Amino acid sequence: MSTAQEFCPMSTPATRTRHLALAAAVLAAATLATGCASKFEKRLPDYSARAVFFPTGEPQPVAGTKIQGTIEFSQNKGVLVAKGEIKGLKPNSTVGFHVHEKGSCMKMDASDAGPHFNPGKAPHGAFDGKEAHHAGDLPPLKADATGKAVVNFTTQAISLDKSAENGVIGRAIVVHESADDPTAQPAGNSGKRLACGVIRLT
């Protein structure tokens, strides 16, 4: 009569060593894959969004401006980062830059974007000031000699979380004509709205 032993390979020290080595290799590969996936996930933002700017006053932009640009937004653990460029500004100028309450840029003067985004009912102020300010008060745009302004700032005053009180998804972001006066109420006297874009999730 046959026994089970006839069908099983004999276990030897060499065989056991090979099996242990194989198991260790499989475990190491699985650990590496998990670690890589974990690191990749950590690099992914919780949210990402984009705003594409077009000049107001179409088909005749205000004062012949041809302002355009794109800003990319990302957010991790409640900290929002905004990076991009705005071109077509008056060379060497500084102009106001704000998130507005509404999400429309359809009117020729962008008045349908509404007032500054201000869920906290704070007074108008400076983005980097110590005093309270509108959530929508952003750093001013500072154009170089070619009329290009680089946008690069970090904030927790606004959020890409649509459910947050300070959420800005679907709201307009506006480039103004003049420099912003942080002390001027209610909105800084920064003049006409020269360009407008809507912040949308990507």
Protein backbone atom coordinates (compact mmCIF):
# COMPACT_ATOMS: atom_id res chain seq x y z
CA MET A 1 0.00 0.00 0.00
CA SER A 2 1.27 3.44 -0.86
CA THR A 3 1.92 5.94 1.88
CA ALA A 4 1.80 9.77 1.84
CA GLN A 5 5.54 9.78 2.19
CA GLU A 6 5.93 8.46 -1.36
CA PHE A 7 4.24 11.57 -2.75
CA CYS A 8 6.04 14.22 -0.72
CA PRO A 9 9.55 15.38 -1.47
CA MET A 10 11.97 14.77 1.32
CA SER A 11 12.58 17.87 3.42
CA THR A 12 16.27 18.53 3.74
CA PRO A 13 18.19 21.40 5.33
CA ALA A 14 18.97 22.75 1.85
CA THR A 15 15.29 22.61 0.85
CA ARG A 16 14.21 24.36 4.03
CA THR A 17 16.83 27.05 3.47
CA ARG A 18 15.56 27.68 -0.07
CA HIS A 19 11.96 27.88 1.15
CA LEU A 20 12.88 30.33 3.89
CA ALA A 21 14.86 32.46 1.43
CA LEU A 22 11.91 32.52 -0.99
CA ALA A 23 9.47 33.49 1.77
CA ALA A 24 11.80 36.27 2.90
CA ALA A 25 12.10 37.58 -0.66
CA VAL A 26 8.31 37.62 -1.11
CA LEU A 27 7.86 39.43 2.21
CA ALA A 28 10.53 42.00 1.31
CA ALA A 29 8.92 42.67 -2.07
CA ALA A 30 5.49 43.11 -0.48
CA THR A 31 6.91 45.47 2.15
CA LEU A 32 8.70 47.52 -0.52
CA ALA A 33 5.55 47.76 -2.65
CA THR A 34 3.49 48.86 0.35
CA GLY A 35 6.11 51.43 1.33
CA CYS A 36 6.26 52.86 -2.19
CA ALA A 37 2.49 53.05 -2.38
CA SER A 38 2.37 54.77 1.00
CA LYS A 39 4.95 57.36 -0.07
CA PHE A 40 3.11 57.96 -3.34
CA GLU A 41 -0.16 58.48 -1.51
CA LYS A 42 1.50 60.99 0.80
CA ARG A 43 2.59 63.04 -2.21
CA LEU A 44 -0.95 63.27 -3.56
CA PRO A 45 -2.86 66.39 -2.46
CA ASP A 46 -6.14 66.07 -0.61
CA TYR A 47 -7.62 68.43 -3.21
CA SER A 48 -6.46 70.13 -6.40
CA ALA A 49 -8.07 72.90 -8.42
CA ARG A 50 -7.42 75.38 -11.21
CA ALA A 51 -8.52 78.88 -12.21
CA VAL A 52 -8.09 80.08 -15.81
CA PHE A 53 -8.25 83.85 -16.28
CA PHE A 54 -9.78 85.78 -19.15
CA PRO A 55 -9.97 89.56 -19.64
CA THR A 56 -13.25 91.23 -18.74
CA GLY A 57 -15.12 93.51 -21.12
CA GLU A 58 -15.41 90.95 -23.91
CA PRO A 59 -15.45 91.45 -26.81
CA GLN A 60 -13.62 94.68 -25.95
CA PRO A 61 -11.47 94.12 -22.85
CA VAL A 62 -11.27 97.00 -20.39
CA ALA A 63 -8.72 99.57 -21.57
CA GLY A 64 -7.49 97.11 -24.18
CA THR A 65 -6.12 94.71 -21.59
CA LYS A 66 -5.18 91.19 -22.62
CA ILE A 67 -4.76 89.68 -19.21
CA GLN A 68 -4.65 85.92 -19.08
CA GLY A 69 -3.15 83.20 -16.95
CA THR A 70 -3.67 80.05 -14.94
CA ILE A 71 -3.31 79.31 -11.25
CA GLU A 72 -3.01 75.78 -9.90
CA PHE A 73 -4.21 75.08 -6.36
CA SER A 74 -3.41 72.12 -4.14
CA GLN A 75 -4.26 71.39 -0.53
CA ASN A 76 -2.84 69.02 2.07
CA LYS A 77 -4.00 68.82 5.68
CA GLY A 78 -5.85 72.12 5.44
CA VAL A 79 -2.96 74.10 3.94
CA LEU A 80 -3.66 75.52 0.48
CA VAL A 81 -0.85 76.28 -1.98
CA ALA A 82 -1.42 78.46 -5.05
CA LYS A 83 1.07 78.70 -7.92
CA GLY A 84 0.85 80.18 -11.39
CA GLU A 85 1.33 83.21 -13.63
CA ILE A 86 -0.79 86.15 -14.74
CA LYS A 87 0.32 87.90 -17.95
CA GLY A 88 -0.78 91.08 -19.68
CA LEU A 89 -0.63 93.37 -16.66
CA LYS A 90 0.72 96.90 -16.86
CA PRO A 91 4.52 96.57 -16.61
CA ASN A 92 5.93 97.06 -13.11
CA SER A 93 2.46 97.51 -11.62
CA THR A 94 0.95 96.19 -8.40
CA VAL A 95 -2.75 95.33 -8.49
CA GLY A 96 -5.39 93.91 -6.20
CA PHE A 97 -6.22 90.21 -6.30
CA HIS A 98 -9.22 88.67 -4.54
CA VAL A 99 -11.53 85.68 -4.34
CA HIS A 100 -15.12 86.85 -4.78
CA GLU A 101 -18.35 85.49 -3.39
CA LYS A 102 -20.03 84.31 -6.59
CA GLY A 103 -18.83 81.92 -9.26
CA SER A 104 -19.66 83.87 -12.41
CA CYS A 105 -17.52 85.96 -14.78
CA MET A 106 -20.16 86.39 -17.49
CA LYS A 107 -20.82 90.13 -17.27
CA MET A 108 -18.52 92.50 -19.12
CA ASP A 109 -17.37 94.14 -15.88
CA ALA A 110 -17.35 90.89 -13.88
CA SER A 111 -19.79 92.48 -11.43
CA ASP A 112 -21.62 89.16 -11.29
CA ALA A 113 -18.68 87.80 -9.28
CA GLY A 114 -20.13 89.72 -6.35
CA PRO A 115 -18.21 91.20 -3.40
CA HIS A 116 -15.08 89.80 -1.81
CA PHE A 117 -15.51 86.34 -0.33
CA ASN A 118 -15.94 87.04 3.38
CA PRO A 119 -17.66 84.23 5.30
CA GLY A 120 -16.24 85.51 8.60
CA LYS A 121 -17.73 89.00 8.15
CA ALA A 122 -14.30 90.51 8.78
CA PRO A 123 -13.16 93.97 7.62
CA HIS A 124 -11.06 94.28 4.49
CA GLY A 125 -7.33 94.00 5.17
CA ALA A 126 -3.93 92.75 4.07
CA PHE A 127 -3.34 89.09 3.28
CA ASP A 128 -0.20 88.97 5.41
CA GLY A 129 -1.37 91.45 8.03
CA LYS A 130 -1.86 90.66 11.72
CA GLU A 131 -5.38 92.07 11.70
CA ALA A 132 -8.49 90.18 10.60
CA HIS A 133 -9.27 90.37 6.89
CA HIS A 134 -11.55 88.92 4.24
CA ALA A 135 -10.88 85.26 3.50
CA GLY A 136 -10.75 86.37 -0.14
CA ASP A 137 -8.00 88.95 0.39
CA LEU A 138 -5.02 87.51 -1.49
CA PRO A 139 -1.43 88.75 -1.93
CA PRO A 140 -1.29 91.59 -4.50
CA LEU A 141 -0.04 90.79 -7.98
CA LYS A 142 3.33 92.40 -8.71
CA ALA A 143 4.11 92.56 -12.42
CA ASP A 144 7.63 92.62 -13.82
CA ALA A 145 8.83 94.72 -16.75
CA THR A 146 7.03 92.40 -19.18
CA GLY A 147 3.69 92.60 -17.34
CA LYS A 148 3.94 89.11 -15.86
CA ALA A 149 3.16 88.38 -12.21
CA VAL A 150 4.16 85.14 -10.52
CA VAL A 151 1.66 83.73 -8.02
CA ASN A 152 3.08 81.64 -5.19
CA PHE A 153 1.48 81.69 -1.77
CA THR A 154 0.30 79.44 1.05
CA THR A 155 -2.77 80.02 3.19
CA GLN A 156 -5.27 78.43 5.54
CA ALA A 157 -7.77 81.28 5.18
CA ILE A 158 -9.47 79.54 2.25
CA SER A 159 -10.07 75.89 1.43
CA LEU A 160 -10.62 73.60 -1.56
CA ASP A 161 -13.02 71.55 0.54
CA LYS A 162 -16.47 72.28 -0.92
CA SER A 163 -18.14 71.55 2.41
CA ALA A 164 -15.96 74.00 4.38
CA GLU A 165 -17.32 77.40 5.39
CA ASN A 166 -14.28 79.00 3.77
CA GLY A 167 -14.44 76.80 0.67
CA VAL A 168 -13.66 78.56 -2.61
CA ILE A 169 -14.52 75.89 -5.19
CA GLY A 170 -16.92 77.40 -7.71
CA ARG A 171 -16.06 80.97 -6.69
CA ALA A 172 -14.54 83.65 -8.91
CA ILE A 173 -11.05 85.03 -8.46
CA VAL A 174 -10.51 88.53 -9.85
CA VAL A 175 -7.58 90.67 -11.03
CA HIS A 176 -8.19 94.35 -10.34
CA GLU A 177 -6.99 97.52 -12.03
CA SER A 178 -5.15 99.24 -9.18
CA ALA A 179 -3.18 98.52 -6.05
CA ASP A 180 -5.19 97.35 -3.07
CA ASP A 181 -5.41 99.61 0.00
CA PRO A 182 -5.74 97.28 3.02
CA THR A 183 -7.13 100.10 5.17
CA ALA A 184 -9.86 101.15 2.72
CA GLN A 185 -13.30 99.73 3.44
CA PRO A 186 -15.17 97.80 2.35
CA ALA A 187 -13.01 96.44 -0.48
CA GLY A 188 -9.69 98.26 -0.85
CA ASN A 189 -10.47 100.68 -3.71
CA SER A 190 -8.57 98.56 -6.20
CA GLY A 191 -10.58 99.72 -9.20
CA LYS A 192 -12.11 97.92 -12.15
CA ARG A 193 -12.12 94.17 -12.52
CA LEU A 194 -9.76 93.51 -15.41
CA ALA A 195 -9.73 89.70 -15.47
CA CYS A 196 -11.75 86.92 -13.91
CA GLY A 197 -11.61 83.15 -13.54
CA VAL A 198 -13.57 80.52 -11.61
CA ILE A 199 -11.84 78.08 -9.25
CA ARG A 200 -12.76 74.52 -10.23
CA LEU A 201 -11.66 71.13 -8.92
CA THR A 202 -9.35 69.14 -11.19
